[in-house]
C-alpha atoms as a PDB file:
ATOM      1  CA  MET A   1      78.198 115.822 120.847  1.00  0.00           C
ATOM      2  CA  SER A   2      80.941 114.349 123.017  1.00  0.00           C
ATOM      3  CA  SER A   3      80.962 115.248 126.686  1.00  0.00           C
ATOM      4  CA  VAL A   4      83.720 114.683 129.213  1.00  0.00           C
ATOM      5  CA  GLN A   5      82.712 112.016 131.735  1.00  0.00           C
ATOM      6  CA  THR A   6      83.981 110.685 135.084  1.00  0.00           C
ATOM      7  CA  TRP A   7      86.837 108.203 134.875  1.00  0.00           C
ATOM      8  CA  GLY A   8      85.299 104.883 135.897  1.00  0.00           C
ATOM      9  CA  ARG A   9      86.243 101.211 136.365  1.00  0.00           C
ATOM     10  CA  GLY A  10      85.587 100.416 132.698  1.00  0.00           C
ATOM     11  CA  ASP A  11      88.021 103.202 131.700  1.00  0.00           C
ATOM     12  CA  TRP A  12      90.705 101.716 133.934  1.00  0.00           C
ATOM     13  CA  LEU A  13      90.231  98.294 132.297  1.00  0.00           C
ATOM     14  CA  ARG A  14      90.391  99.811 128.808  1.00  0.00           C
ATOM     15  CA  ALA A  15      93.567 101.670 129.671  1.00  0.00           C
ATOM     16  CA  LEU A  16      95.186  98.555 131.199  1.00  0.00           C
ATOM     17  CA  ALA A  17      94.336  96.432 128.134  1.00  0.00           C
ATOM     18  CA  VAL A  18      95.813  99.077 125.827  1.00  0.00           C
ATOM     19  CA  VAL A  19      99.017  99.242 127.923  1.00  0.00           C
ATOM     20  CA  VAL A  20      99.564  95.443 127.677  1.00  0.00           C
ATOM     21  CA  LEU A  21      98.663  95.157 123.955  1.00  0.00           C
ATOM     22  CA  TRP A  22     100.853  98.077 122.949  1.00  0.00           C
ATOM     23  CA  GLY A  23     103.668  97.098 125.293  1.00  0.00           C
ATOM     24  CA  LEU A  24     103.996  93.738 123.517  1.00  0.00           C
ATOM     25  CA  ASN A  25     103.466  95.464 120.166  1.00  0.00           C
ATOM     26  CA  PHE A  26     107.095  96.569 119.764  1.00  0.00           C
ATOM     27  CA  VAL A  27     108.554  93.074 120.125  1.00  0.00           C
ATOM     28  CA  VAL A  28     105.979  91.794 117.628  1.00  0.00           C
ATOM     29  CA  MET A  29     106.969  94.542 115.155  1.00  0.00           C
ATOM     30  CA  LYS A  30     110.664  93.551 115.464  1.00  0.00           C
ATOM     31  CA  VAL A  31     109.778  89.919 114.791  1.00  0.00           C
ATOM     32  CA  GLY A  32     107.684  90.911 111.753  1.00  0.00           C
ATOM     33  CA  LEU A  33     110.502  93.059 110.369  1.00  0.00           C
ATOM     34  CA  GLN A  34     112.853  90.064 110.380  1.00  0.00           C
ATOM     35  CA  GLY A  35     111.092  88.750 107.272  1.00  0.00           C
ATOM     36  CA  LEU A  36     109.269  91.808 105.918  1.00  0.00           C
ATOM     37  CA  SER A  37     110.262  95.314 104.856  1.00  0.00           C
ATOM     38  CA  PRO A  38     108.735  98.215 106.840  1.00  0.00           C
ATOM     39  CA  MET A  39     106.346  99.291 104.085  1.00  0.00           C
ATOM     40  CA  LEU A  40     105.223  95.761 103.260  1.00  0.00           C
ATOM     41  CA  LEU A  41     104.567  95.076 106.951  1.00  0.00           C
ATOM     42  CA  GLY A  42     102.464  98.225 107.043  1.00  0.00           C
ATOM     43  CA  ALA A  43     100.605  97.238 103.899  1.00  0.00           C
ATOM     44  CA  LEU A  44      99.766  93.747 105.232  1.00  0.00           C
ATOM     45  CA  ARG A  45      98.823  95.087 108.670  1.00  0.00           C
ATOM     46  CA  PHE A  46      96.248  97.570 107.451  1.00  0.00           C
ATOM     47  CA  THR A  47      94.975  95.341 104.668  1.00  0.00           C
ATOM     48  CA  LEU A  48      94.141  92.679 107.239  1.00  0.00           C
ATOM     49  CA  ALA A  49      92.667  95.220 109.626  1.00  0.00           C
ATOM     50  CA  SER A  50      90.289  96.710 107.041  1.00  0.00           C
ATOM     51  CA  LEU A  51      89.351  94.658 103.997  1.00  0.00           C
ATOM     52  CA  PRO A  52      87.937  91.553 105.733  1.00  0.00           C
ATOM     53  CA  PHE A  53      85.521  93.729 107.733  1.00  0.00           C
ATOM     54  CA  LEU A  54      84.290  96.332 105.229  1.00  0.00           C
ATOM     55  CA  LEU A  55      81.393  94.138 104.027  1.00  0.00           C
ATOM     56  CA  PHE A  56      80.084  93.794 107.614  1.00  0.00           C
ATOM     57  CA  VAL A  57      80.934  97.136 109.203  1.00  0.00           C
ATOM     58  CA  GLY A  58      79.154 100.288 108.021  1.00  0.00           C
ATOM     59  CA  ARG A  59      81.014 103.555 107.528  1.00  0.00           C
ATOM     60  CA  PRO A  60      80.872 105.743 110.631  1.00  0.00           C
ATOM     61  CA  PRO A  61      78.615 108.837 110.316  1.00  0.00           C
ATOM     62  CA  LEU A  62      81.500 111.265 109.960  1.00  0.00           C
ATOM     63  CA  PRO A  63      82.755 113.435 107.074  1.00  0.00           C
ATOM     64  CA  TRP A  64      85.468 111.818 105.015  1.00  0.00           C
ATOM     65  CA  ARG A  65      87.974 114.410 106.112  1.00  0.00           C
ATOM     66  CA  PHE A  66      88.120 112.894 109.582  1.00  0.00           C
ATOM     67  CA  LEU A  67      88.602 109.379 108.225  1.00  0.00           C
ATOM     68  CA  LEU A  68      91.281 110.436 105.782  1.00  0.00           C
ATOM     69  CA  ALA A  69      93.140 112.611 108.269  1.00  0.00           C
ATOM     70  CA  TYR A  70      93.174 109.902 110.945  1.00  0.00           C
ATOM     71  CA  GLY A  71      94.121 107.133 108.485  1.00  0.00           C
ATOM     72  CA  LEU A  72      97.042 109.104 107.068  1.00  0.00           C
ATOM     73  CA  ALA A  73      98.319 110.310 110.436  1.00  0.00           C
ATOM     74  CA  GLN A  74      97.903 107.123 112.457  1.00  0.00           C
ATOM     75  CA  GLY A  75      98.356 104.577 109.714  1.00  0.00           C
ATOM     76  CA  LEU A  76     100.828 105.879 107.167  1.00  0.00           C
ATOM     77  CA  GLY A  77     102.520 108.542 109.284  1.00  0.00           C
ATOM     78  CA  GLN A  78     102.844 106.862 112.665  1.00  0.00           C
ATOM     79  CA  PHE A  79     103.529 103.298 111.601  1.00  0.00           C
ATOM     80  CA  GLY A  80     105.417 104.091 108.409  1.00  0.00           C
ATOM     81  CA  LEU A  81     107.957 106.081 110.453  1.00  0.00           C
ATOM     82  CA  LEU A  82     107.958 103.617 113.380  1.00  0.00           C
ATOM     83  CA  PHE A  83     108.557 100.544 111.185  1.00  0.00           C
ATOM     84  CA  TRP A  84     111.262 102.393 109.301  1.00  0.00           C
ATOM     85  CA  GLY A  85     112.928 103.456 112.564  1.00  0.00           C
ATOM     86  CA  LEU A  86     112.885  99.922 113.933  1.00  0.00           C
ATOM     87  CA  GLN A  87     114.500  98.628 110.759  1.00  0.00           C
ATOM     88  CA  LEU A  88     117.187 101.309 110.923  1.00  0.00           C
ATOM     89  CA  GLY A  89     118.353 100.497 114.417  1.00  0.00           C
ATOM     90  CA  MET A  90     115.763 101.588 116.954  1.00  0.00           C
ATOM     91  CA  THR A  91     115.535  98.957 119.728  1.00  0.00           C
ATOM     92  CA  ALA A  92     112.118  97.595 120.641  1.00  0.00           C
ATOM     93  CA  GLY A  93     112.411  98.599 124.288  1.00  0.00           C
ATOM     94  CA  MET A  94     113.447 102.196 123.633  1.00  0.00           C
ATOM     95  CA  ALA A  95     110.853 102.531 120.906  1.00  0.00           C
ATOM     96  CA  SER A  96     108.190 101.750 123.541  1.00  0.00           C
ATOM     97  CA  VAL A  97     109.562 104.673 125.564  1.00  0.00           C
ATOM     98  CA  VAL A  98     110.068 107.261 122.823  1.00  0.00           C
ATOM     99  CA  MET A  99     106.645 106.634 121.280  1.00  0.00           C
ATOM    100  CA  GLN A 100     105.043 107.810 124.507  1.00  0.00           C
ATOM    101  CA  MET A 101     106.225 111.303 123.733  1.00  0.00           C
ATOM    102  CA  GLN A 102     102.906 111.404 121.856  1.00  0.00           C
ATOM    103  CA  ALA A 103     101.332 112.349 125.198  1.00  0.00           C
ATOM    104  CA  PHE A 104     103.363 115.544 125.334  1.00  0.00           C
ATOM    105  CA  PHE A 105     103.022 116.302 121.637  1.00  0.00           C
ATOM    106  CA  THR A 106      99.258 115.887 122.048  1.00  0.00           C
ATOM    107  CA  LEU A 107      99.270 118.360 124.948  1.00  0.00           C
ATOM    108  CA  LEU A 108     101.024 120.930 122.785  1.00  0.00           C
ATOM    109  CA  LEU A 109      98.678 120.401 119.808  1.00  0.00           C
ATOM    110  CA  ALA A 110      95.547 120.396 121.983  1.00  0.00           C
ATOM    111  CA  LEU A 111      96.169 123.926 123.191  1.00  0.00           C
ATOM    112  CA  PRO A 112      95.732 125.736 119.830  1.00  0.00           C
ATOM    113  CA  LEU A 113      93.655 123.117 117.959  1.00  0.00           C
ATOM    114  CA  LEU A 114      91.263 121.928 120.665  1.00  0.00           C
ATOM    115  CA  GLY A 115      91.288 124.803 123.112  1.00  0.00           C
ATOM    116  CA  GLU A 116      92.023 122.368 125.983  1.00  0.00           C
ATOM    117  CA  ARG A 117      93.704 124.376 128.749  1.00  0.00           C
ATOM    118  CA  ALA A 118      96.906 122.922 130.180  1.00  0.00           C
ATOM    119  CA  ARG A 119      97.680 123.158 133.917  1.00  0.00           C
ATOM    120  CA  ALA A 120     100.990 124.029 135.516  1.00  0.00           C
ATOM    121  CA  TRP A 121     101.676 120.399 136.466  1.00  0.00           C
ATOM    122  CA  GLN A 122     101.024 119.303 132.908  1.00  0.00           C
ATOM    123  CA  TRP A 123     103.719 121.679 131.696  1.00  0.00           C
ATOM    124  CA  ALA A 124     106.040 120.316 134.393  1.00  0.00           C
ATOM    125  CA  GLY A 125     105.281 116.756 133.178  1.00  0.00           C
ATOM    126  CA  LEU A 126     106.013 117.864 129.631  1.00  0.00           C
ATOM    127  CA  LEU A 127     109.373 119.328 130.634  1.00  0.00           C
ATOM    128  CA  LEU A 128     110.319 116.132 132.457  1.00  0.00           C
ATOM    129  CA  GLY A 129     109.345 114.015 129.444  1.00  0.00           C
ATOM    130  CA  LEU A 130     111.373 116.137 127.059  1.00  0.00           C
ATOM    131  CA  THR A 131     114.352 115.964 129.416  1.00  0.00           C
ATOM    132  CA  GLY A 132     113.984 112.190 129.462  1.00  0.00           C
ATOM    133  CA  LEU A 133     113.904 112.089 125.634  1.00  0.00           C
ATOM    134  CA  GLY A 134     117.098 114.134 125.552  1.00  0.00           C
ATOM    135  CA  ALA A 135     118.783 111.693 127.961  1.00  0.00           C
ATOM    136  CA  ILE A 136     117.734 108.762 125.763  1.00  0.00           C
ATOM    137  CA  ALA A 137     119.146 110.511 122.702  1.00  0.00           C
ATOM    138  CA  LEU A 138     122.531 110.756 124.458  1.00  0.00           C
ATOM    139  CA  ALA A 139     122.739 106.982 124.584  1.00  0.00           C
ATOM    140  CA  HIS A 140     122.577 106.285 120.847  1.00  0.00           C
ATOM    141  CA  GLY A 141     125.358 104.311 119.196  1.00  0.00           C
ATOM    142  CA  GLU A 142     126.175 102.430 116.039  1.00  0.00           C
ATOM    143  CA  GLY A 143     127.198  99.017 117.438  1.00  0.00           C
ATOM    144  CA  PRO A 144     125.174  95.814 117.209  1.00  0.00           C
ATOM    145  CA  GLY A 145     122.021  95.949 119.277  1.00  0.00           C
ATOM    146  CA  GLN A 146     122.409  99.669 119.988  1.00  0.00           C
ATOM    147  CA  MET A 147     119.859 102.392 119.270  1.00  0.00           C
ATOM    148  CA  THR A 148     120.834 104.559 116.281  1.00  0.00           C
ATOM    149  CA  LEU A 149     120.223 108.287 116.050  1.00  0.00           C
ATOM    150  CA  ILE A 150     118.231 107.953 112.794  1.00  0.00           C
ATOM    151  CA  GLY A 151     116.096 105.289 114.410  1.00  0.00           C
ATOM    152  CA  LEU A 152     115.427 107.618 117.363  1.00  0.00           C
ATOM    153  CA  LEU A 153     114.495 110.568 115.118  1.00  0.00           C
ATOM    154  CA  LEU A 154     112.111 108.464 112.983  1.00  0.00           C
ATOM    155  CA  THR A 155     110.487 107.086 116.149  1.00  0.00           C
ATOM    156  CA  ALA A 156     110.071 110.623 117.565  1.00  0.00           C
ATOM    157  CA  GLY A 157     108.426 111.580 114.276  1.00  0.00           C
ATOM    158  CA  ALA A 158     106.077 108.610 114.635  1.00  0.00           C
ATOM    159  CA  ALA A 159     105.141 109.828 118.129  1.00  0.00           C
ATOM    160  CA  PHE A 160     104.268 113.245 116.682  1.00  0.00           C
ATOM    161  CA  MET A 161     102.035 111.665 114.039  1.00  0.00           C
ATOM    162  CA  TRP A 162     100.318 109.651 116.787  1.00  0.00           C
ATOM    163  CA  ALA A 163      99.612 112.962 118.573  1.00  0.00           C
ATOM    164  CA  CYS A 164      98.080 114.328 115.378  1.00  0.00           C
ATOM    165  CA  SER A 165      95.741 111.356 115.201  1.00  0.00           C
ATOM    166  CA  ASN A 166      94.727 111.902 118.842  1.00  0.00           C
ATOM    167  CA  VAL A 167      93.689 115.462 117.950  1.00  0.00           C
ATOM    168  CA  VAL A 168      91.668 114.182 114.961  1.00  0.00           C
ATOM    169  CA  VAL A 169      89.766 111.795 117.297  1.00  0.00           C
ATOM    170  CA  ARG A 170      88.908 114.660 119.678  1.00  0.00           C
ATOM    171  CA  LEU A 171      87.725 116.855 116.756  1.00  0.00           C
ATOM    172  CA  ALA A 172      85.651 114.005 115.324  1.00  0.00           C
ATOM    173  CA  ALA A 173      84.059 113.421 118.756  1.00  0.00           C
ATOM    174  CA  ARG A 174      82.942 117.045 118.821  1.00  0.00           C
ATOM    175  CA  HIS A 175      81.377 116.696 115.399  1.00  0.00           C
ATOM    176  CA  GLY A 176      79.081 113.879 116.458  1.00  0.00           C
ATOM    177  CA  SER A 177      78.835 110.457 118.121  1.00  0.00           C
ATOM    178  CA  TYR A 178      80.248 107.385 116.408  1.00  0.00           C
ATOM    179  CA  GLU A 179      81.288 103.899 117.361  1.00  0.00           C
ATOM    180  CA  PRO A 180      85.076 103.371 117.656  1.00  0.00           C
ATOM    181  CA  PHE A 181      85.280  99.957 115.955  1.00  0.00           C
ATOM    182  CA  PRO A 182      83.842 101.035 112.587  1.00  0.00           C
ATOM    183  CA  PHE A 183      85.981 104.147 112.816  1.00  0.00           C
ATOM    184  CA  ILE A 184      89.169 102.095 113.163  1.00  0.00           C
ATOM    185  CA  VAL A 185      88.177  99.627 110.414  1.00  0.00           C
ATOM    186  CA  TRP A 186      87.424 102.382 107.869  1.00  0.00           C
ATOM    187  CA  THR A 187      90.403 104.514 108.746  1.00  0.00           C
ATOM    188  CA  SER A 188      92.613 101.437 108.448  1.00  0.00           C
ATOM    189  CA  LEU A 189      91.588 101.319 104.779  1.00  0.00           C
ATOM    190  CA  VAL A 190      93.165 104.728 104.090  1.00  0.00           C
ATOM    191  CA  PRO A 191      96.875 103.783 104.365  1.00  0.00           C
ATOM    192  CA  VAL A 192      96.528 100.435 102.505  1.00  0.00           C
ATOM    193  CA  LEU A 193      97.117 101.772  98.960  1.00  0.00           C
ATOM    194  CA  PRO A 194      99.880 104.257 100.010  1.00  0.00           C
ATOM    195  CA  PHE A 195     101.755 101.475 101.844  1.00  0.00           C
ATOM    196  CA  TRP A 196     101.489  99.035  98.843  1.00  0.00           C
ATOM    197  CA  VAL A 197     102.596 101.753  96.410  1.00  0.00           C
ATOM    198  CA  TRP A 198     105.495 102.744  98.706  1.00  0.00           C
ATOM    199  CA  ALA A 199     106.596  99.102  99.080  1.00  0.00           C
ATOM    200  CA  LEU A 200     106.461  98.435  95.298  1.00  0.00           C
ATOM    201  CA  TRP A 201     108.258 101.687  94.497  1.00  0.00           C
ATOM    202  CA  ALA A 202     110.999 101.224  97.066  1.00  0.00           C
ATOM    203  CA  GLU A 203     111.714  97.523  96.541  1.00  0.00           C
ATOM    204  CA  GLY A 204     110.223  96.556  93.223  1.00  0.00           C
ATOM    205  CA  PRO A 205     107.543  93.991  92.468  1.00  0.00           C
ATOM    206  CA  GLN A 206     110.015  91.081  92.386  1.00  0.00           C
ATOM    207  CA  ARG A 207     111.365  91.708  95.917  1.00  0.00           C
ATOM    208  CA  VAL A 208     107.846  92.244  97.295  1.00  0.00           C
ATOM    209  CA  GLY A 209     106.684  89.010  95.685  1.00  0.00           C
ATOM    210  CA  GLU A 210     109.650  87.097  97.121  1.00  0.00           C
ATOM    211  CA  GLN A 211     108.766  88.299 100.627  1.00  0.00           C
ATOM    212  CA  LEU A 212     105.114  87.315 100.233  1.00  0.00           C
ATOM    213  CA  VAL A 213     105.977  83.863  98.900  1.00  0.00           C
ATOM    214  CA  GLY A 214     108.470  83.327 101.689  1.00  0.00           C
ATOM    215  CA  LEU A 215     106.225  84.409 104.545  1.00  0.00           C
ATOM    216  CA  SER A 216     107.125  82.486 107.732  1.00  0.00           C
ATOM    217  CA  TRP A 217     104.648  81.531 110.430  1.00  0.00           C
ATOM    218  CA  SER A 218     106.224  84.100 112.758  1.00  0.00           C
ATOM    219  CA  ALA A 219     105.680  86.862 110.198  1.00  0.00           C
ATOM    220  CA  ILE A 220     102.047  85.771 109.620  1.00  0.00           C
ATOM    221  CA  ALA A 221     101.451  85.729 113.409  1.00  0.00           C
ATOM    222  CA  SER A 222     103.043  89.182 113.713  1.00  0.00           C
ATOM    223  CA  VAL A 223     100.833  90.666 111.030  1.00  0.00           C
ATOM    224  CA  ALA A 224      97.709  89.119 112.610  1.00  0.00           C
ATOM    225  CA  TYR A 225      98.638  90.493 116.047  1.00  0.00           C
ATOM    226  CA  LEU A 226      99.352  93.946 114.675  1.00  0.00           C
ATOM    227  CA  ALA A 227      96.143  94.027 112.605  1.00  0.00           C
ATOM    228  CA  TRP A 228      93.600  92.555 114.958  1.00  0.00           C
ATOM    229  CA  LEU A 229      94.921  93.128 118.509  1.00  0.00           C
ATOM    230  CA  ALA A 230      97.222  96.152 118.315  1.00  0.00           C
ATOM    231  CA  THR A 231      95.090  97.970 115.708  1.00  0.00           C
ATOM    232  CA  LEU A 232      91.424  96.962 115.846  1.00  0.00           C
ATOM    233  CA  LEU A 233      91.123  96.049 119.538  1.00  0.00           C
ATOM    234  CA  ALA A 234      93.631  98.442 121.142  1.00  0.00           C
ATOM    235  CA  TYR A 235      92.793 101.490 119.010  1.00  0.00           C
ATOM    236  CA  THR A 236      89.091 100.862 119.496  1.00  0.00           C
ATOM    237  CA  LEU A 237      89.569 100.979 123.255  1.00  0.00           C
ATOM    238  CA  TRP A 238      91.881 104.017 122.931  1.00  0.00           C
ATOM    239  CA  THR A 239      89.376 105.866 120.725  1.00  0.00           C
ATOM    240  CA  ARG A 240      86.607 105.165 123.259  1.00  0.00           C
ATOM    241  CA  LEU A 241      88.736 106.753 125.986  1.00  0.00           C
ATOM    242  CA  LEU A 242      89.426 109.837 123.871  1.00  0.00           C
ATOM    243  CA  GLN A 243      85.735 110.148 123.136  1.00  0.00           C
ATOM    244  CA  ARG A 244      84.932 110.193 126.840  1.00  0.00           C
ATOM    245  CA  HIS A 245      87.771 112.246 128.273  1.00  0.00           C
ATOM    246  CA  THR A 246      90.070 115.100 127.410  1.00  0.00           C
ATOM    247  CA  ALA A 247      93.291 114.325 125.523  1.00  0.00           C
ATOM    248  CA  ALA A 248      95.349 115.617 128.465  1.00  0.00           C
ATOM    249  CA  LYS A 249      93.750 113.074 130.794  1.00  0.00           C
ATOM    250  CA  VAL A 250      93.907 110.044 128.430  1.00  0.00           C
ATOM    251  CA  THR A 251      97.221 110.245 126.607  1.00  0.00           C
ATOM    252  CA  PRO A 252      99.529 110.134 129.660  1.00  0.00           C
ATOM    253  CA  PHE A 253      98.363 106.616 130.466  1.00  0.00           C
ATOM    254  CA  SER A 254     100.236 105.368 127.414  1.00  0.00           C
ATOM    255  CA  LEU A 255     103.433 106.267 129.281  1.00  0.00           C
ATOM    256  CA  LEU A 256     102.910 103.021 131.142  1.00  0.00           C
ATOM    257  CA  VAL A 257     103.452 101.054 127.876  1.00  0.00           C
ATOM    258  CA  PRO A 258     107.275 101.103 128.333  1.00  0.00           C
ATOM    259  CA  VAL A 259     106.954  99.121 131.531  1.00  0.00           C
ATOM    260  CA  VAL A 260     105.623  96.202 129.430  1.00  0.00           C
ATOM    261  CA  GLY A 261     107.722  97.100 126.388  1.00  0.00           C
ATOM    262  CA  LEU A 262     111.081  97.148 128.191  1.00  0.00           C
ATOM    263  CA  ALA A 263     110.340  93.850 129.979  1.00  0.00           C
ATOM    264  CA  ALA A 264     109.192  92.139 126.771  1.00  0.00           C
ATOM    265  CA  ALA A 265     112.197  93.393 124.787  1.00  0.00           C
ATOM    266  CA  ALA A 266     114.583  92.192 127.539  1.00  0.00           C
ATOM    267  CA  LEU A 267     113.010  88.727 127.525  1.00  0.00           C
ATOM    268  CA  ALA A 268     112.693  88.420 123.744  1.00  0.00           C
ATOM    269  CA  PHE A 269     115.932  90.045 122.538  1.00  0.00           C
ATOM    270  CA  GLY A 270     118.089  90.505 125.624  1.00  0.00           C
ATOM    271  CA  GLU A 271     117.820  94.314 125.239  1.00  0.00           C
ATOM    272  CA  ILE A 272     119.081  95.871 128.486  1.00  0.00           C
ATOM    273  CA  PRO A 273     119.012  99.713 128.505  1.00  0.00           C
ATOM    274  CA  VAL A 274     122.287 101.523 129.272  1.00  0.00           C
ATOM    275  CA  PHE A 275     122.603 104.066 132.065  1.00  0.00           C
ATOM    276  CA  TRP A 276     121.347 107.150 130.219  1.00  0.00           C
ATOM    277  CA  GLN A 277     118.445 105.168 128.755  1.00  0.00           C
ATOM    278  CA  TRP A 278     117.383 104.205 132.261  1.00  0.00           C
ATOM    279  CA  VAL A 279     117.660 107.853 133.337  1.00  0.00           C
ATOM    280  CA  GLY A 280     115.605 108.986 130.357  1.00  0.00           C
ATOM    281  CA  THR A 281     113.005 106.295 130.881  1.00  0.00           C
ATOM    282  CA  ALA A 282     112.637 107.301 134.514  1.00  0.00           C
ATOM    283  CA  ALA A 283     112.186 110.949 133.557  1.00  0.00           C
ATOM    284  CA  VAL A 284     109.540 110.146 130.952  1.00  0.00           C
ATOM    285  CA  LEU A 285     107.596 107.984 133.426  1.00  0.00           C
ATOM    286  CA  LEU A 286     107.990 110.598 136.138  1.00  0.00           C
ATOM    287  CA  GLY A 287     106.327 112.997 133.692  1.00  0.00           C
ATOM    288  CA  LEU A 288     103.276 110.732 133.763  1.00  0.00           C
ATOM    289  CA  VAL A 289     103.257 110.740 137.533  1.00  0.00           C
ATOM    290  CA  VAL A 290     103.422 114.533 137.688  1.00  0.00           C
ATOM    291  CA  ASN A 291     100.727 114.906 135.078  1.00  0.00           C
ATOM    292  CA  GLN A 292      98.316 112.576 136.767  1.00  0.00           C
ATOM    293  CA  ALA A 293      99.179 113.462 140.393  1.00  0.00           C
ATOM    294  CA  GLY A 294      98.432 117.118 139.727  1.00  0.00           C
ATOM    295  CA  TRP A 295      94.959 116.297 138.391  1.00  0.00           C
ATOM    296  CA  TRP A 296      94.387 113.873 141.333  1.00  0.00           C
ATOM    297  CA  TRP A 297      95.553 116.432 143.966  1.00  0.00           C
ATOM    298  CA  THR A 298      93.390 119.218 142.527  1.00  0.00           C
ATOM    299  CA  LYS A 299      90.339 116.970 142.434  1.00  0.00           C
ATOM    300  CA  ARG A 300      90.705 116.035 146.095  1.00  0.00           C
ATOM    301  CA  ARG A 301      91.860 119.373 147.503  1.00  0.00           C
ATOM    302  CA  PRO A 302      89.055 120.983 149.525  1.00  0.00           C
ATOM    303  CA  ALA A 303      87.666 124.155 148.077  1.00  0.00           C
ATOM    304  CA  ASN A 304      88.373 127.366 150.021  1.00  0.00           C
END
């Protein structure tokens, strides 16, 4: 059985590595989508993250329902919607912000599904985060380089699916102990067939074949980064954190991803957020501060 443990130095290092890997992730996705369709990018990503390792990595000792639920939510749901949103006008920098709404969606789902009690400051952080998301939504537009409303909605849906996968990890940890790396490898197998079928159905075999034949080195590098670093490494570290700690304590740390994501998008694509996007980003990040500061203050406040 999983037990909640003290947050240690190793957990800080895991969280920092995840922040950097996922912060760069959004720029890499944009680069990959320059030569690949969203569903084909998803198919290649999870094919590379699963098939080369299945002969060497045993299946984790969990019922199939956990593997299927996580693979569909995190693989097909989260990244199918995110890739689609990026293709339809979501900017890389703002995607890195909006995706962190998963922390607040996880908090809402953890109450009825996990029985994890939320504190007053966590609700305050949630309210700030939702306010920030609303401010970001005000800044959508249809011009070149601007964030579109459909892109925002699809990205918000991807954040919700990420939250669903976080809940699955916590439920699986209660069922029994398992190693994160085999879990990520085997769950990455789940969305492979749906992504390939979706790509072939939406674009046709000829168009899919043309994209595969015309793969550029930048597209190949993007797929490799997404498969091995952003999926296998980062999600292995993330799963380990969720095994050791409550969802309410772990998920807010992903709100630091936009710090890297916004800087990387500005350098790579010249994406500079407009006023309301800055306001929304500040509100979302302030939600993290409130969430974590409340826990820190309570831990250090002397008992009466």
